[in-house]
Protein backbone atom coordinates (compact mmCIF):
# COMPACT_ATOMS: atom_id res chain seq x y z
CA MET A 1 -46.91 233.24 -9.48
CA ALA A 2 -47.36 236.17 -11.83
CA ILE A 3 -46.48 235.96 -15.50
CA ASP A 4 -44.28 238.67 -16.97
CA ALA A 5 -46.46 239.70 -19.92
CA SER A 6 -43.68 241.77 -21.48
CA ARG A 7 -41.97 238.51 -22.56
CA PHE A 8 -44.87 237.90 -24.95
CA ALA A 9 -45.24 241.35 -26.48
CA GLY A 10 -45.81 241.11 -30.22
CA LYS A 11 -46.25 237.33 -30.22
CA PRO A 12 -49.40 235.65 -31.56
CA TRP A 13 -52.07 234.61 -29.06
CA TRP A 14 -51.28 230.91 -29.47
CA GLN A 15 -47.80 231.45 -28.07
CA MET A 16 -49.13 232.95 -24.85
CA PRO A 17 -48.87 230.82 -21.70
CA LEU A 18 -51.96 228.95 -20.61
CA ALA A 19 -53.08 229.00 -17.02
CA THR A 20 -53.35 225.43 -15.81
CA ALA A 21 -53.79 223.88 -12.44
CA ALA A 22 -53.64 220.33 -11.26
CA ILE A 23 -57.03 218.77 -10.58
CA ARG A 24 -57.78 217.45 -7.10
CA HIS A 25 -60.17 214.50 -7.37
CA ALA A 26 -62.68 213.17 -4.84
CA ASP A 27 -60.18 210.56 -3.65
CA GLY A 28 -57.81 213.39 -2.69
CA ALA A 29 -55.25 212.52 -5.36
CA GLN A 30 -53.83 215.38 -7.35
CA ARG A 31 -53.60 214.65 -11.08
CA PRO A 32 -52.40 216.67 -14.07
CA GLY A 33 -54.85 219.19 -15.50
CA LYS A 34 -56.32 219.55 -18.96
CA GLY A 35 -53.62 219.71 -21.62
CA GLU A 36 -50.86 218.58 -19.28
CA HIS A 37 -48.80 215.41 -19.76
CA GLY A 38 -50.85 212.47 -18.51
CA GLY A 39 -53.93 214.60 -17.83
CA GLU A 40 -57.03 215.17 -19.95
CA CYS A 41 -56.79 215.97 -23.64
CA GLN A 42 -56.46 219.70 -24.32
CA ARG A 43 -59.24 219.71 -26.94
CA ILE A 44 -62.34 221.31 -25.42
CA ALA A 45 -64.70 218.78 -27.02
CA CYS A 46 -62.70 215.84 -25.60
CA ASP A 47 -62.39 214.52 -22.07
CA GLN A 48 -60.11 211.54 -22.69
CA GLY A 49 -57.39 211.02 -20.12
CA ASN A 50 -53.78 209.95 -20.54
CA ALA A 51 -52.86 212.84 -22.87
CA ARG A 52 -49.36 211.98 -24.07
CA TRP A 53 -49.23 213.52 -27.56
CA PHE A 54 -47.37 216.84 -27.46
CA ASN A 55 -48.52 219.53 -29.89
CA GLN A 56 -45.49 221.61 -30.82
CA THR A 57 -47.63 224.58 -31.89
CA ASN A 58 -49.22 225.31 -28.53
CA ALA A 59 -47.09 223.20 -26.15
CA ARG A 60 -50.11 221.25 -24.85
CA TYR A 61 -50.90 217.52 -24.69
CA TYR A 62 -53.65 215.64 -26.53
CA CYS A 63 -55.10 212.13 -26.48
CA ALA A 64 -54.12 209.69 -29.25
CA THR A 65 -57.41 210.11 -31.13
CA CYS A 66 -57.25 213.91 -31.32
CA ALA A 67 -53.51 213.89 -32.08
CA ARG A 68 -54.04 211.49 -34.98
CA THR A 69 -56.78 213.73 -36.34
CA PHE A 70 -54.52 216.80 -36.20
CA ASN A 71 -51.62 214.90 -37.78
CA ASP A 72 -53.82 213.51 -40.57
CA ILE A 73 -55.06 217.00 -41.43
CA SER A 74 -51.51 218.36 -41.43
CA ARG A 75 -50.32 215.62 -43.75
CA ARG A 76 -53.24 216.19 -46.15
CA HIS A 77 -52.10 219.80 -46.43
CA GLY A 78 -48.48 218.79 -47.04
CA GLN A 79 -47.33 219.85 -43.59
CA ALA A 80 -45.33 218.02 -40.96
CA PRO A 81 -47.33 216.33 -38.16
CA LEU A 82 -48.19 218.66 -35.27
CA CYS A 83 -48.19 216.10 -32.47
CA GLU A 84 -45.59 213.60 -31.32
CA LEU A 85 -45.87 210.90 -28.68
CA GLN A 86 -44.05 211.56 -25.42
CA LEU A 87 -44.02 208.68 -22.96
C-alpha cells in the first residue's frame, strides 16, 4: 500500500508515518513489529517485548522501562508525560 506523501507536506519529520511490518518468527507465528502494540519497544537501543506504553508524540509503543524514562525527563522539564499505558 502506497502512502500519499502530500498529506504530510509541511509537517515535521516526527509526524511522518513509519513503515512497520509484523515479524514472522521461527515458529511461524506472526507477532507485532517494533514500536507496535504488544511488539518490541520502539527505542533502537532496547529489545524488550510487550510494548504497551503509547507515546503521543510519535504514535509508537515503548516498554515500561523506556516509557518511565521518557516520562521522568518530561516531568523534570515541567512537561506532561509523553507515554501512557494502553492495555
